[in-house]
Amino acid sequence: MTDIISAIIAIRKAQDGGQPQVGVSREDINRINWIDGNPTNITNQQILDKQVELKADFDAKQYQRDRTKNPEEGGYPPIGDQLDDIYHNGINAWKATIKVTKDKYPKS
């Protein structure tokens, strides 16, 4: 699950664009230290809901992280190699190279 502070930062950013000043002891939702006094009144339920939302978003983008692995692990070649491929072999050859990774790690 996403950590409490990340959830609070996301909530506050959506509320007023502000940066919260907060600490959390032992990742315990009941041990939040609102250094700034929680000026937008973020509730524990909002934090829990945002954690679920952020985790779902993170999980949905696993394919993106997989595509950026080392080429030996099935990820895209380094950008320099991709540009060299385009220069020497053309766009269609490059597309074929990239398609292998896209097919291996499709969008969910």
C-alpha atoms as a PDB file:
ATOM      1  CA  MET A   1       0.000   0.000   0.000  1.00  0.00           C
ATOM      2  CA  THR A   2       1.075   3.571  -0.571  1.00  0.00           C
ATOM      3  CA  ASP A   3       2.539   5.300   2.472  1.00  0.00           C
ATOM      4  CA  ILE A   4       0.490   7.742   4.509  1.00  0.00           C
ATOM      5  CA  ILE A   5       2.580  10.820   3.735  1.00  0.00           C
ATOM      6  CA  SER A   6       2.323  10.231  -0.035  1.00  0.00           C
ATOM      7  CA  ALA A   7      -1.451  10.027   0.323  1.00  0.00           C
ATOM      8  CA  ILE A   8      -1.563  13.231   2.387  1.00  0.00           C
ATOM      9  CA  ILE A   9       0.622  15.053  -0.143  1.00  0.00           C
ATOM     10  CA  ALA A  10      -1.667  13.963  -3.004  1.00  0.00           C
ATOM     11  CA  ILE A  11      -4.809  15.027  -1.130  1.00  0.00           C
ATOM     12  CA  ARG A  12      -3.405  18.412  -0.170  1.00  0.00           C
ATOM     13  CA  LYS A  13      -2.128  19.060  -3.688  1.00  0.00           C
ATOM     14  CA  ALA A  14      -5.622  18.372  -5.065  1.00  0.00           C
ATOM     15  CA  GLN A  15      -7.265  20.544  -2.419  1.00  0.00           C
ATOM     16  CA  ASP A  16      -5.277  23.740  -2.645  1.00  0.00           C
ATOM     17  CA  GLY A  17      -1.937  22.974  -4.247  1.00  0.00           C
ATOM     18  CA  GLY A  18      -0.224  23.301  -0.886  1.00  0.00           C
ATOM     19  CA  GLN A  19       2.566  21.196   0.568  1.00  0.00           C
ATOM     20  CA  PRO A  20       1.592  19.673   3.917  1.00  0.00           C
ATOM     21  CA  GLN A  21       3.975  19.741   6.840  1.00  0.00           C
ATOM     22  CA  VAL A  22       3.394  16.409   8.482  1.00  0.00           C
ATOM     23  CA  GLY A  23       5.144  13.457  10.067  1.00  0.00           C
ATOM     24  CA  VAL A  24       3.967   9.914  10.713  1.00  0.00           C
ATOM     25  CA  SER A  25       5.270   7.552  13.352  1.00  0.00           C
ATOM     26  CA  ARG A  26       5.586   3.888  12.359  1.00  0.00           C
ATOM     27  CA  GLU A  27       3.281   4.365   9.366  1.00  0.00           C
ATOM     28  CA  ASP A  28       0.368   4.428  11.834  1.00  0.00           C
ATOM     29  CA  ILE A  29      -2.595   6.521  10.728  1.00  0.00           C
ATOM     30  CA  ASN A  30      -3.343   7.294  14.374  1.00  0.00           C
ATOM     31  CA  ARG A  31       0.160   8.720  14.873  1.00  0.00           C
ATOM     32  CA  ILE A  32       0.123  11.600  12.398  1.00  0.00           C
ATOM     33  CA  ASN A  33       1.866  14.758  13.570  1.00  0.00           C
ATOM     34  CA  TRP A  34       0.305  17.690  11.723  1.00  0.00           C
ATOM     35  CA  ILE A  35       3.133  20.202  11.991  1.00  0.00           C
ATOM     36  CA  ASP A  36       1.090  22.714   9.979  1.00  0.00           C
ATOM     37  CA  GLY A  37      -2.073  22.033  11.990  1.00  0.00           C
ATOM     38  CA  ASN A  38      -3.855  20.263   9.087  1.00  0.00           C
ATOM     39  CA  PRO A  39      -5.306  23.488   7.649  1.00  0.00           C
ATOM     40  CA  THR A  40      -7.478  21.693   5.078  1.00  0.00           C
ATOM     41  CA  ASN A  41      -8.862  19.201   7.631  1.00  0.00           C
ATOM     42  CA  ILE A  42      -7.739  16.008   5.898  1.00  0.00           C
ATOM     43  CA  THR A  43      -9.472  13.045   7.535  1.00  0.00           C
ATOM     44  CA  ASN A  44      -8.159   9.541   8.167  1.00  0.00           C
ATOM     45  CA  GLN A  45     -10.799   8.183   5.788  1.00  0.00           C
ATOM     46  CA  GLN A  46      -9.616  10.501   3.032  1.00  0.00           C
ATOM     47  CA  ILE A  47      -6.081   9.223   3.603  1.00  0.00           C
ATOM     48  CA  LEU A  48      -7.161   5.575   3.462  1.00  0.00           C
ATOM     49  CA  ASP A  49      -9.215   6.177   0.316  1.00  0.00           C
ATOM     50  CA  LYS A  50      -6.316   8.008  -1.351  1.00  0.00           C
ATOM     51  CA  GLN A  51      -3.946   5.145  -0.473  1.00  0.00           C
ATOM     52  CA  VAL A  52      -6.251   2.710  -2.272  1.00  0.00           C
ATOM     53  CA  GLU A  53      -6.492   5.054  -5.279  1.00  0.00           C
ATOM     54  CA  LEU A  54      -2.727   5.571  -5.485  1.00  0.00           C
ATOM     55  CA  LYS A  55      -2.056   1.820  -5.168  1.00  0.00           C
ATOM     56  CA  ALA A  56      -4.525   1.047  -7.976  1.00  0.00           C
ATOM     57  CA  ASP A  57      -2.859   3.679 -10.177  1.00  0.00           C
ATOM     58  CA  PHE A  58       0.594   2.268  -9.374  1.00  0.00           C
ATOM     59  CA  ASP A  59      -0.514  -1.295 -10.141  1.00  0.00           C
ATOM     60  CA  ALA A  60      -2.162  -0.236 -13.412  1.00  0.00           C
ATOM     61  CA  LYS A  61       1.155   1.157 -14.640  1.00  0.00           C
ATOM     62  CA  GLN A  62       3.250  -1.968 -14.061  1.00  0.00           C
ATOM     63  CA  TYR A  63       3.627  -2.365 -17.835  1.00  0.00           C
ATOM     64  CA  GLN A  64       5.407   1.018 -17.954  1.00  0.00           C
ATOM     65  CA  ARG A  65       7.927  -0.058 -15.346  1.00  0.00           C
ATOM     66  CA  ASP A  66       8.448  -3.382 -17.106  1.00  0.00           C
ATOM     67  CA  ARG A  67       9.097  -1.645 -20.423  1.00  0.00           C
ATOM     68  CA  THR A  68      11.902   0.410 -18.869  1.00  0.00           C
ATOM     69  CA  LYS A  69      13.828  -2.614 -17.579  1.00  0.00           C
ATOM     70  CA  ASN A  70      17.223  -3.447 -19.018  1.00  0.00           C
ATOM     71  CA  PRO A  71      16.963  -4.764 -22.590  1.00  0.00           C
ATOM     72  CA  GLU A  72      18.315  -8.116 -21.350  1.00  0.00           C
ATOM     73  CA  GLU A  73      15.190  -8.322 -19.160  1.00  0.00           C
ATOM     74  CA  GLY A  74      12.848  -7.479 -22.019  1.00  0.00           C
ATOM     75  CA  GLY A  75      12.770  -3.690 -21.748  1.00  0.00           C
ATOM     76  CA  TYR A  76      13.293  -1.066 -24.413  1.00  0.00           C
ATOM     77  CA  PRO A  77      16.801  -0.599 -25.791  1.00  0.00           C
ATOM     78  CA  PRO A  78      18.633   2.525 -24.599  1.00  0.00           C
ATOM     79  CA  ILE A  79      17.508   5.665 -26.435  1.00  0.00           C
ATOM     80  CA  GLY A  80      20.877   6.008 -28.165  1.00  0.00           C
ATOM     81  CA  ASP A  81      20.504   2.519 -29.608  1.00  0.00           C
ATOM     82  CA  GLN A  82      16.956   3.329 -30.704  1.00  0.00           C
ATOM     83  CA  LEU A  83      18.094   6.471 -32.512  1.00  0.00           C
ATOM     84  CA  ASP A  84      20.927   4.542 -34.141  1.00  0.00           C
ATOM     85  CA  ASP A  85      18.405   1.906 -35.262  1.00  0.00           C
ATOM     86  CA  ILE A  86      16.243   4.613 -36.848  1.00  0.00           C
ATOM     87  CA  TYR A  87      19.224   6.211 -38.564  1.00  0.00           C
ATOM     88  CA  HIS A  88      20.613   2.972 -39.999  1.00  0.00           C
ATOM     89  CA  ASN A  89      17.463   0.910 -40.522  1.00  0.00           C
ATOM     90  CA  GLY A  90      14.571   3.358 -40.731  1.00  0.00           C
ATOM     91  CA  ILE A  91      11.417   3.911 -38.736  1.00  0.00           C
ATOM     92  CA  ASN A  92       9.774   0.606 -39.665  1.00  0.00           C
ATOM     93  CA  ALA A  93      12.708  -1.435 -38.355  1.00  0.00           C
ATOM     94  CA  TRP A  94      12.682   0.618 -35.159  1.00  0.00           C
ATOM     95  CA  LYS A  95       8.944   0.052 -34.775  1.00  0.00           C
ATOM     96  CA  ALA A  96       9.507  -3.694 -35.111  1.00  0.00           C
ATOM     97  CA  THR A  97      12.164  -3.578 -32.383  1.00  0.00           C
ATOM     98  CA  ILE A  98       9.917  -1.585 -30.037  1.00  0.00           C
ATOM     99  CA  LYS A  99       6.882  -3.778 -30.789  1.00  0.00           C
ATOM    100  CA  VAL A 100       8.635  -6.767 -29.217  1.00  0.00           C
ATOM    101  CA  THR A 101       8.716  -4.970 -25.852  1.00  0.00           C
ATOM    102  CA  LYS A 102       5.200  -3.581 -26.245  1.00  0.00           C
ATOM    103  CA  ASP A 103       3.872  -7.069 -27.010  1.00  0.00           C
ATOM    104  CA  LYS A 104       5.752  -8.572 -24.071  1.00  0.00           C
ATOM    105  CA  TYR A 105       4.389  -5.934 -21.665  1.00  0.00           C
ATOM    106  CA  PRO A 106       1.003  -4.780 -23.008  1.00  0.00           C
ATOM    107  CA  LYS A 107      -1.114  -2.102 -21.382  1.00  0.00           C
ATOM    108  CA  SER A 108      -3.555  -3.701 -18.986  1.00  0.00           C
END
